N, C-alpha and C. Protein backbone atom coordinates (compact mmCIF):
# COMPACT_ATOMS: atom_id res chain seq x y z
N MET A 1 81.22 63.20 109.52
CA MET A 1 80.38 64.63 110.15
C MET A 1 78.93 64.52 109.82
N LYS A 2 77.83 64.72 111.04
CA LYS A 2 76.59 65.15 110.38
C LYS A 2 76.58 66.41 109.50
N GLN A 3 75.24 66.51 109.07
CA GLN A 3 74.65 67.85 108.17
C GLN A 3 74.80 68.83 109.35
N ALA A 4 74.01 68.62 110.66
CA ALA A 4 73.89 69.48 112.08
C ALA A 4 75.06 69.98 112.36
N ASP A 5 76.27 69.09 112.14
CA ASP A 5 77.39 69.72 112.59
C ASP A 5 78.19 70.81 111.45
N ILE A 6 78.39 70.36 109.79
CA ILE A 6 78.37 71.22 108.93
C ILE A 6 78.44 72.64 108.95
N THR A 7 76.45 72.42 109.21
CA THR A 7 75.83 73.78 109.25
C THR A 7 76.25 74.89 110.38
N PHE A 8 76.40 74.03 111.28
CA PHE A 8 76.96 74.78 112.57
C PHE A 8 78.43 75.59 112.41
N ILE A 9 78.71 74.84 111.39
CA ILE A 9 80.77 75.05 111.31
C ILE A 9 80.28 76.22 110.07
N ALA A 10 79.54 76.28 109.16
CA ALA A 10 79.17 77.12 108.62
C ALA A 10 78.53 78.90 108.63
N GLN A 11 77.66 78.86 109.87
CA GLN A 11 77.18 79.20 111.26
C GLN A 11 78.09 80.29 111.53
N THR A 12 78.77 79.23 112.04
CA THR A 12 79.91 79.89 112.95
C THR A 12 81.08 80.62 112.42
N TYR A 13 81.33 79.90 111.07
CA TYR A 13 82.09 81.10 110.63
C TYR A 13 81.46 82.14 109.82
N ASN A 14 80.66 82.16 109.24
CA ASN A 14 79.82 83.59 108.79
C ASN A 14 79.53 84.80 110.02
N LYS A 15 79.24 83.99 110.99
CA LYS A 15 79.11 84.54 112.82
C LYS A 15 80.65 85.37 112.67
N SER A 16 81.64 84.54 112.58
CA SER A 16 83.02 85.00 113.91
C SER A 16 84.02 85.80 112.81
N ILE A 17 84.61 84.81 112.13
CA ILE A 17 85.19 85.57 111.02
C ILE A 17 84.59 86.41 109.85
N LYS A 18 83.94 86.36 109.23
CA LYS A 18 83.43 87.07 108.27
C LYS A 18 82.72 88.42 109.30
N LEU A 19 82.14 88.37 110.26
CA LEU A 19 81.69 89.56 111.41
C LEU A 19 83.06 89.88 111.86
N ILE A 20 83.98 89.42 112.63
CA ILE A 20 85.23 89.98 113.18
C ILE A 20 85.64 91.17 112.04
N GLY A 21 86.07 90.21 111.03
CA GLY A 21 86.40 91.17 109.74
C GLY A 21 85.68 92.67 109.48
N THR A 22 84.60 92.28 109.43
CA THR A 22 83.81 93.60 109.16
C THR A 22 83.91 94.56 110.19
N LEU A 23 83.78 94.26 111.28
CA LEU A 23 83.58 94.91 112.70
C LEU A 23 85.20 95.39 113.06
N LEU A 24 86.28 94.66 112.26
CA LEU A 24 87.35 95.43 112.45
C LEU A 24 87.86 96.47 111.64
N GLU A 25 87.04 96.40 110.12
CA GLU A 25 87.35 97.33 109.40
C GLU A 25 86.44 98.84 109.56
N SER A 26 85.16 98.34 110.09
CA SER A 26 84.73 99.61 110.99
C SER A 26 85.53 100.21 111.76
N LYS A 27 86.05 99.95 112.11
CA LYS A 27 86.66 100.56 113.75
C LYS A 27 88.07 101.89 112.90
N MET A 28 88.50 101.46 111.76
CA MET A 28 89.50 102.02 110.89
C MET A 28 89.12 103.49 111.11
N SER A 29 90.29 104.06 111.67
CA SER A 29 90.02 105.29 111.86
C SER A 29 90.10 106.41 110.40
N ASP A 30 90.71 105.48 108.99
CA ASP A 30 90.82 105.94 108.10
C ASP A 30 89.95 104.78 106.65
N PRO A 31 89.04 104.82 106.33
CA PRO A 31 88.10 104.01 105.06
C PRO A 31 89.30 103.91 104.46
N GLN A 32 90.10 104.53 104.09
CA GLN A 32 90.78 103.84 102.57
C GLN A 32 91.65 102.74 103.33
N VAL A 33 92.05 102.35 104.86
CA VAL A 33 92.75 101.98 105.07
C VAL A 33 92.32 100.24 105.86
N SER A 34 92.44 99.27 105.10
CA SER A 34 91.44 98.17 105.41
C SER A 34 92.23 97.30 106.51
N PHE A 35 91.43 96.55 107.26
CA PHE A 35 92.42 95.90 108.53
C PHE A 35 93.55 95.11 108.01
N ASP A 36 93.45 94.48 106.48
CA ASP A 36 94.58 93.29 105.96
C ASP A 36 95.62 94.75 105.93
N MET A 37 95.80 95.79 105.72
CA MET A 37 96.62 96.77 105.24
C MET A 37 97.43 97.58 107.00
N PHE A 38 96.20 97.94 107.65
CA PHE A 38 96.98 97.80 109.00
C PHE A 38 97.39 96.82 109.68
N MET A 39 97.12 95.39 109.36
CA MET A 39 98.42 94.00 109.78
C MET A 39 99.78 94.03 108.89
N ILE A 40 99.65 94.86 107.78
CA ILE A 40 100.69 94.89 106.89
C ILE A 40 101.41 96.24 107.89
N MET A 41 101.00 97.04 107.86
CA MET A 41 101.58 98.30 108.81
C MET A 41 101.92 97.43 110.14
N HIS A 42 101.61 96.68 110.53
CA HIS A 42 101.70 96.08 111.96
C HIS A 42 102.88 95.55 112.32
N PHE A 43 103.47 94.28 110.64
CA PHE A 43 104.65 93.89 110.76
C PHE A 43 105.88 94.61 110.71
N ILE A 44 105.55 95.79 109.52
CA ILE A 44 106.33 96.75 109.35
C ILE A 44 106.84 97.44 110.21
N LYS A 45 105.68 98.18 111.60
CA LYS A 45 105.95 98.22 113.13
C LYS A 45 106.82 97.50 113.86
N GLN A 46 106.53 96.20 113.47
CA GLN A 46 107.31 95.63 115.20
C GLN A 46 108.57 95.27 114.15
N ALA A 47 109.22 95.69 113.22
CA ALA A 47 110.10 95.10 112.87
C ALA A 47 111.11 96.50 113.18
N ASP A 48 110.82 97.48 113.59
CA ASP A 48 111.08 98.23 114.95
C ASP A 48 112.49 98.82 114.10
N GLY A 49 112.36 99.38 112.81
CA GLY A 49 113.24 99.47 111.97
C GLY A 49 114.30 98.81 111.13
N GLU A 50 114.47 98.09 111.88
CA GLU A 50 114.89 96.48 110.92
C GLU A 50 114.39 96.46 109.53
N ALA A 51 115.33 96.06 108.60
CA ALA A 51 114.85 96.08 107.25
C ALA A 51 113.71 95.08 107.05
N ILE A 52 112.69 95.14 106.15
CA ILE A 52 111.63 94.03 106.36
C ILE A 52 110.88 94.16 105.11
N THR A 53 110.67 93.02 104.32
CA THR A 53 110.63 93.19 102.98
C THR A 53 109.44 92.56 102.57
N LEU A 54 108.40 92.78 101.61
CA LEU A 54 107.43 92.53 101.22
C LEU A 54 106.86 90.93 101.39
N SER A 55 108.37 90.41 100.46
CA SER A 55 108.10 88.60 100.92
C SER A 55 107.99 88.30 102.06
N SER A 56 109.07 89.10 103.32
CA SER A 56 108.48 88.24 104.49
C SER A 56 107.59 88.95 105.07
N ILE A 57 106.71 89.48 104.58
CA ILE A 57 105.43 90.54 105.26
C ILE A 57 104.25 88.99 104.63
N ALA A 58 104.29 88.62 103.72
CA ALA A 58 103.89 87.76 102.65
C ALA A 58 103.96 86.20 103.67
N ASP A 59 105.02 85.84 103.58
CA ASP A 59 105.53 84.83 104.29
C ASP A 59 104.48 85.00 105.65
N ALA A 60 104.77 85.69 106.46
CA ALA A 60 104.52 85.89 107.75
C ALA A 60 102.66 85.74 107.94
N GLN A 61 101.99 86.35 107.00
CA GLN A 61 100.51 86.48 106.98
C GLN A 61 100.28 85.03 106.48
N GLU A 62 101.35 84.10 105.63
CA GLU A 62 100.75 82.95 104.64
C GLU A 62 99.70 83.40 103.90
N VAL A 63 100.10 84.33 102.78
CA VAL A 63 99.66 84.94 101.33
C VAL A 63 100.62 85.02 100.41
N THR A 64 100.05 85.39 99.32
CA THR A 64 100.65 85.25 98.09
C THR A 64 101.43 87.17 98.03
N LYS A 65 102.32 86.83 97.40
CA LYS A 65 103.28 88.31 97.21
C LYS A 65 102.91 89.33 96.44
N SER A 66 101.46 88.75 95.38
CA SER A 66 100.69 89.54 94.62
C SER A 66 99.83 90.38 95.73
N ALA A 67 99.15 89.41 96.61
CA ALA A 67 98.05 90.17 97.28
C ALA A 67 98.79 91.26 99.04
N ILE A 68 99.98 91.24 99.07
CA ILE A 68 100.36 91.63 99.66
C ILE A 68 100.70 93.30 98.84
N SER A 69 101.15 93.02 97.97
CA SER A 69 101.90 93.79 96.71
C SER A 69 101.04 95.36 96.78
N ARG A 70 99.63 94.44 96.37
CA ARG A 70 98.64 95.49 95.74
C ARG A 70 97.75 96.37 97.15
N LYS A 71 98.27 95.86 98.46
CA LYS A 71 97.96 96.35 99.49
C LYS A 71 99.10 97.75 99.79
N ILE A 72 100.46 97.08 99.73
CA ILE A 72 101.80 97.89 99.83
C ILE A 72 101.02 98.90 98.96
N GLY A 73 100.98 98.70 97.51
CA GLY A 73 100.77 99.90 96.68
C GLY A 73 99.68 100.74 97.24
N THR A 74 99.01 100.64 97.38
CA THR A 74 97.52 101.19 98.34
C THR A 74 98.43 102.42 99.46
N LEU A 75 99.11 101.39 100.13
CA LEU A 75 99.94 102.20 101.79
C LEU A 75 100.62 103.00 101.03
N LEU A 76 101.62 102.83 100.20
CA LEU A 76 102.77 103.78 98.95
C LEU A 76 101.61 105.00 98.89
N ASP A 77 100.52 104.81 98.08
CA ASP A 77 99.86 106.17 97.39
C ASP A 77 99.43 107.07 98.15
N LEU A 78 99.32 106.28 99.76
CA LEU A 78 98.29 107.20 100.25
C LEU A 78 99.33 107.91 101.57
N GLY A 79 100.71 107.41 101.32
CA GLY A 79 102.19 107.97 102.07
C GLY A 79 102.19 107.41 103.49
N LEU A 80 101.28 106.09 103.52
CA LEU A 80 101.78 105.69 104.85
C LEU A 80 103.26 104.71 104.94
N VAL A 81 103.91 104.36 103.86
CA VAL A 81 104.77 103.39 104.10
C VAL A 81 105.55 104.21 102.58
N GLU A 82 106.81 104.06 102.92
CA GLU A 82 107.94 104.41 102.10
C GLU A 82 108.72 103.21 101.70
N GLN A 83 109.31 102.95 100.66
CA GLN A 83 110.16 102.07 100.01
C GLN A 83 111.41 102.06 99.46
N ASN A 84 112.84 101.39 100.04
CA ASN A 84 113.58 101.81 99.88
C ASN A 84 114.39 100.68 99.38
N ASN A 85 115.55 101.08 98.45
CA ASN A 85 116.04 99.97 97.87
C ASN A 85 117.41 99.70 98.34
N ASP A 86 117.16 98.29 98.49
CA ASP A 86 118.52 97.76 99.21
C ASP A 86 120.47 98.06 98.19
N LYS A 87 120.79 98.51 98.91
CA LYS A 87 122.10 99.02 98.58
C LYS A 87 123.22 98.15 97.47
N GLN A 88 122.93 96.67 97.87
CA GLN A 88 123.95 95.71 97.22
C GLN A 88 122.93 94.77 96.07
N ASP A 89 121.61 94.99 96.37
CA ASP A 89 120.82 94.39 95.91
C ASP A 89 119.44 95.45 95.08
N ARG A 90 119.43 96.27 94.38
CA ARG A 90 118.55 97.05 94.16
C ARG A 90 117.35 95.86 93.56
N ARG A 91 117.16 94.48 93.69
CA ARG A 91 115.57 94.73 93.11
C ARG A 91 115.05 94.21 94.88
N LYS A 92 115.99 94.13 95.67
CA LYS A 92 115.05 94.05 96.87
C LYS A 92 114.54 95.51 97.87
N LYS A 93 113.58 96.00 98.20
CA LYS A 93 113.15 96.56 98.37
C LYS A 93 112.40 96.88 99.92
N TYR A 94 112.71 97.41 101.20
CA TYR A 94 112.28 97.59 102.47
C TYR A 94 111.79 98.86 102.91
N LEU A 95 110.82 98.38 103.63
CA LEU A 95 109.65 99.01 103.77
C LEU A 95 109.72 99.99 104.94
N LYS A 96 109.05 101.36 105.73
CA LYS A 96 108.85 102.11 106.36
C LYS A 96 108.13 102.08 106.89
N LEU A 97 107.62 102.60 107.78
CA LEU A 97 106.05 103.70 107.84
C LEU A 97 106.53 105.03 107.50
N THR A 98 105.99 105.65 107.30
CA THR A 98 106.40 107.00 106.87
C THR A 98 105.77 107.55 108.83
N GLN A 99 106.39 109.18 109.09
CA GLN A 99 105.78 109.49 110.20
C GLN A 99 103.67 109.39 110.07
N LYS A 100 103.71 109.55 108.92
CA LYS A 100 101.71 109.65 108.30
C LYS A 100 101.71 108.44 108.63
N GLY A 101 102.17 107.25 108.63
CA GLY A 101 101.48 105.66 108.73
C GLY A 101 102.21 105.34 110.46
N ILE A 102 103.31 105.94 111.12
CA ILE A 102 103.10 105.71 112.83
C ILE A 102 102.43 106.12 113.30
N ASP A 103 101.86 107.47 112.28
CA ASP A 103 100.37 108.11 113.39
C ASP A 103 99.44 107.60 113.58
N LEU A 104 99.06 106.85 112.23
CA LEU A 104 97.47 105.99 112.24
C LEU A 104 97.83 104.82 112.33
N TYR A 105 98.91 103.95 112.29
CA TYR A 105 99.24 102.93 112.97
C TYR A 105 98.79 102.73 114.58
N GLU A 106 99.64 103.70 115.29
CA GLU A 106 99.58 103.65 116.77
C GLU A 106 97.87 104.31 117.04
N GLU A 107 97.72 105.29 116.15
CA GLU A 107 95.81 105.58 116.72
C GLU A 107 94.66 104.17 116.74
N ASN A 108 95.63 103.33 115.36
CA ASN A 108 94.03 102.23 115.27
C ASN A 108 94.68 100.89 116.13
N ASP A 109 95.76 100.87 116.29
CA ASP A 109 96.38 100.04 117.82
C ASP A 109 95.67 100.66 118.97
N ARG A 110 95.73 101.58 119.28
CA ARG A 110 95.10 102.09 120.61
C ARG A 110 93.73 101.56 120.54
N ILE A 111 92.98 101.67 119.56
CA ILE A 111 91.30 101.05 119.26
C ILE A 111 91.54 100.09 119.35
N PHE A 112 92.17 99.15 118.32
CA PHE A 112 91.97 97.39 118.80
C PHE A 112 92.39 96.93 119.83
N ARG A 113 93.49 97.93 120.86
CA ARG A 113 93.87 96.76 121.64
C ARG A 113 92.99 96.97 122.79
N GLU A 114 91.96 98.49 123.03
CA GLU A 114 90.90 98.83 123.91
C GLU A 114 89.70 98.07 123.54
N MET A 115 89.68 97.32 122.19
CA MET A 115 88.08 96.35 122.10
C MET A 115 89.29 94.91 123.00
N LEU A 116 90.11 94.92 122.10
CA LEU A 116 90.22 93.16 122.29
C LEU A 116 90.76 93.01 123.99
N ASP A 117 90.42 94.41 124.82
CA ASP A 117 91.01 94.36 126.31
C ASP A 117 89.30 94.36 126.77
N VAL A 118 88.29 94.75 126.20
CA VAL A 118 86.95 94.84 126.29
C VAL A 118 86.66 92.91 126.58
N VAL A 119 86.87 92.68 124.81
CA VAL A 119 86.91 90.81 124.73
C VAL A 119 87.36 90.40 125.88
N ALA A 120 88.59 90.74 126.33
CA ALA A 120 89.29 89.71 127.16
C ALA A 120 88.67 90.05 128.91
N SER A 121 88.28 90.73 129.08
CA SER A 121 87.31 91.31 130.56
C SER A 121 86.21 90.55 130.40
N LYS A 122 85.61 90.55 129.24
CA LYS A 122 84.13 89.80 129.77
C LYS A 122 84.22 88.34 129.33
N PHE A 123 85.00 87.74 128.70
CA PHE A 123 85.44 86.10 128.20
C PHE A 123 86.22 86.07 128.63
N GLY A 124 87.04 86.52 130.10
CA GLY A 124 88.32 85.89 130.66
C GLY A 124 89.71 86.09 129.68
N LYS A 125 90.59 86.94 130.16
CA LYS A 125 91.94 86.15 129.36
C LYS A 125 91.89 85.32 129.49
N ASP A 126 91.92 84.52 130.02
CA ASP A 126 92.69 83.12 129.74
C ASP A 126 92.08 82.21 128.70
N ASP A 127 90.44 82.59 128.71
CA ASP A 127 89.69 81.60 128.07
C ASP A 127 89.63 82.06 126.91
N PHE A 128 89.98 83.73 126.37
CA PHE A 128 90.37 84.12 125.58
C PHE A 128 91.42 83.60 124.78
N VAL A 129 92.76 83.71 125.32
CA VAL A 129 93.56 83.05 124.31
C VAL A 129 93.66 81.65 124.35
N LYS A 130 93.17 80.82 125.14
CA LYS A 130 93.10 79.66 124.61
C LYS A 130 91.86 79.44 123.46
N THR A 131 91.11 80.34 123.58
CA THR A 131 89.95 79.49 122.32
C THR A 131 90.96 79.92 121.34
N LEU A 132 92.03 81.18 121.17
CA LEU A 132 92.40 81.86 120.06
C LEU A 132 93.65 80.32 119.60
N GLU A 133 93.98 80.08 120.94
CA GLU A 133 95.06 78.55 120.50
C GLU A 133 94.47 77.66 119.86
N HIS A 134 93.27 77.17 120.25
CA HIS A 134 92.37 76.01 119.71
C HIS A 134 92.16 76.45 117.87
N ILE A 135 91.85 77.62 117.53
CA ILE A 135 91.74 78.41 116.43
C ILE A 135 92.66 77.83 115.70
N ASN A 136 93.81 78.23 116.24
CA ASN A 136 94.94 78.29 115.44
C ASN A 136 95.17 76.73 115.33
N SER A 137 95.01 76.15 115.79
CA SER A 137 95.36 74.70 115.86
C SER A 137 94.51 73.94 115.16
N ILE A 138 93.29 74.31 114.89
CA ILE A 138 92.51 73.66 113.92
C ILE A 138 92.71 74.09 112.49
N LEU A 139 93.15 75.33 112.62
CA LEU A 139 93.86 76.00 111.20
C LEU A 139 95.00 75.16 110.78
N GLU A 140 95.50 74.87 111.37
CA GLU A 140 96.71 74.12 111.64
C GLU A 140 96.70 72.50 110.76
N ILE A 141 95.29 71.97 111.35
CA ILE A 141 94.96 71.01 111.42
C ILE A 141 94.26 70.85 109.42
N ILE A 142 93.91 71.65 109.69
CA ILE A 142 92.89 72.14 107.82
C ILE A 142 94.12 72.47 106.92
N LYS A 143 95.31 72.99 107.32
CA LYS A 143 96.32 72.93 106.73
C LYS A 143 96.66 71.72 106.08
N GLY A 144 96.79 71.29 107.18
CA GLY A 144 97.31 69.94 106.77
C GLY A 144 96.92 69.05 105.95
N THR A 145 95.78 69.03 105.66
CA THR A 145 94.70 68.15 104.90
C THR A 145 94.99 68.46 103.46
N THR A 146 95.28 69.56 103.32
CA THR A 146 94.93 70.51 101.66
C THR A 146 96.64 69.99 101.24
N GLU A 147 97.65 69.82 101.75
CA GLU A 147 98.89 69.71 101.36
C GLU A 147 99.24 67.96 100.58
């Protein structure tokens, strides 16, 4: 790969991934809740009342348990998530959104859906989805080179 290609990749990374993260964080209705925390809340909400553990969220997000644990600790402190022990195995802890957490999640979910609708309408929904599929494919290839 040529130096110009690497420069283009670095600039694209800085303009896209970092900027998207910063912009999404700026849209959060509660400055104490990061976008990563919102995504944890999203996984809990999508479980729809089914038992979900910290480990299953870490696996789904492809991050370490300790990275998720710190964020869940903050969500617990903010009263957005509650943790319940498994009746048979007290080492297992299940996560659930509190009513405060549900309200915050739904407010931010609406904000992000509106933002994504604007992107899809300006970029074209099919092209938007195809671009995300390409990004996921690239990430899978990159992951494969590190194994």
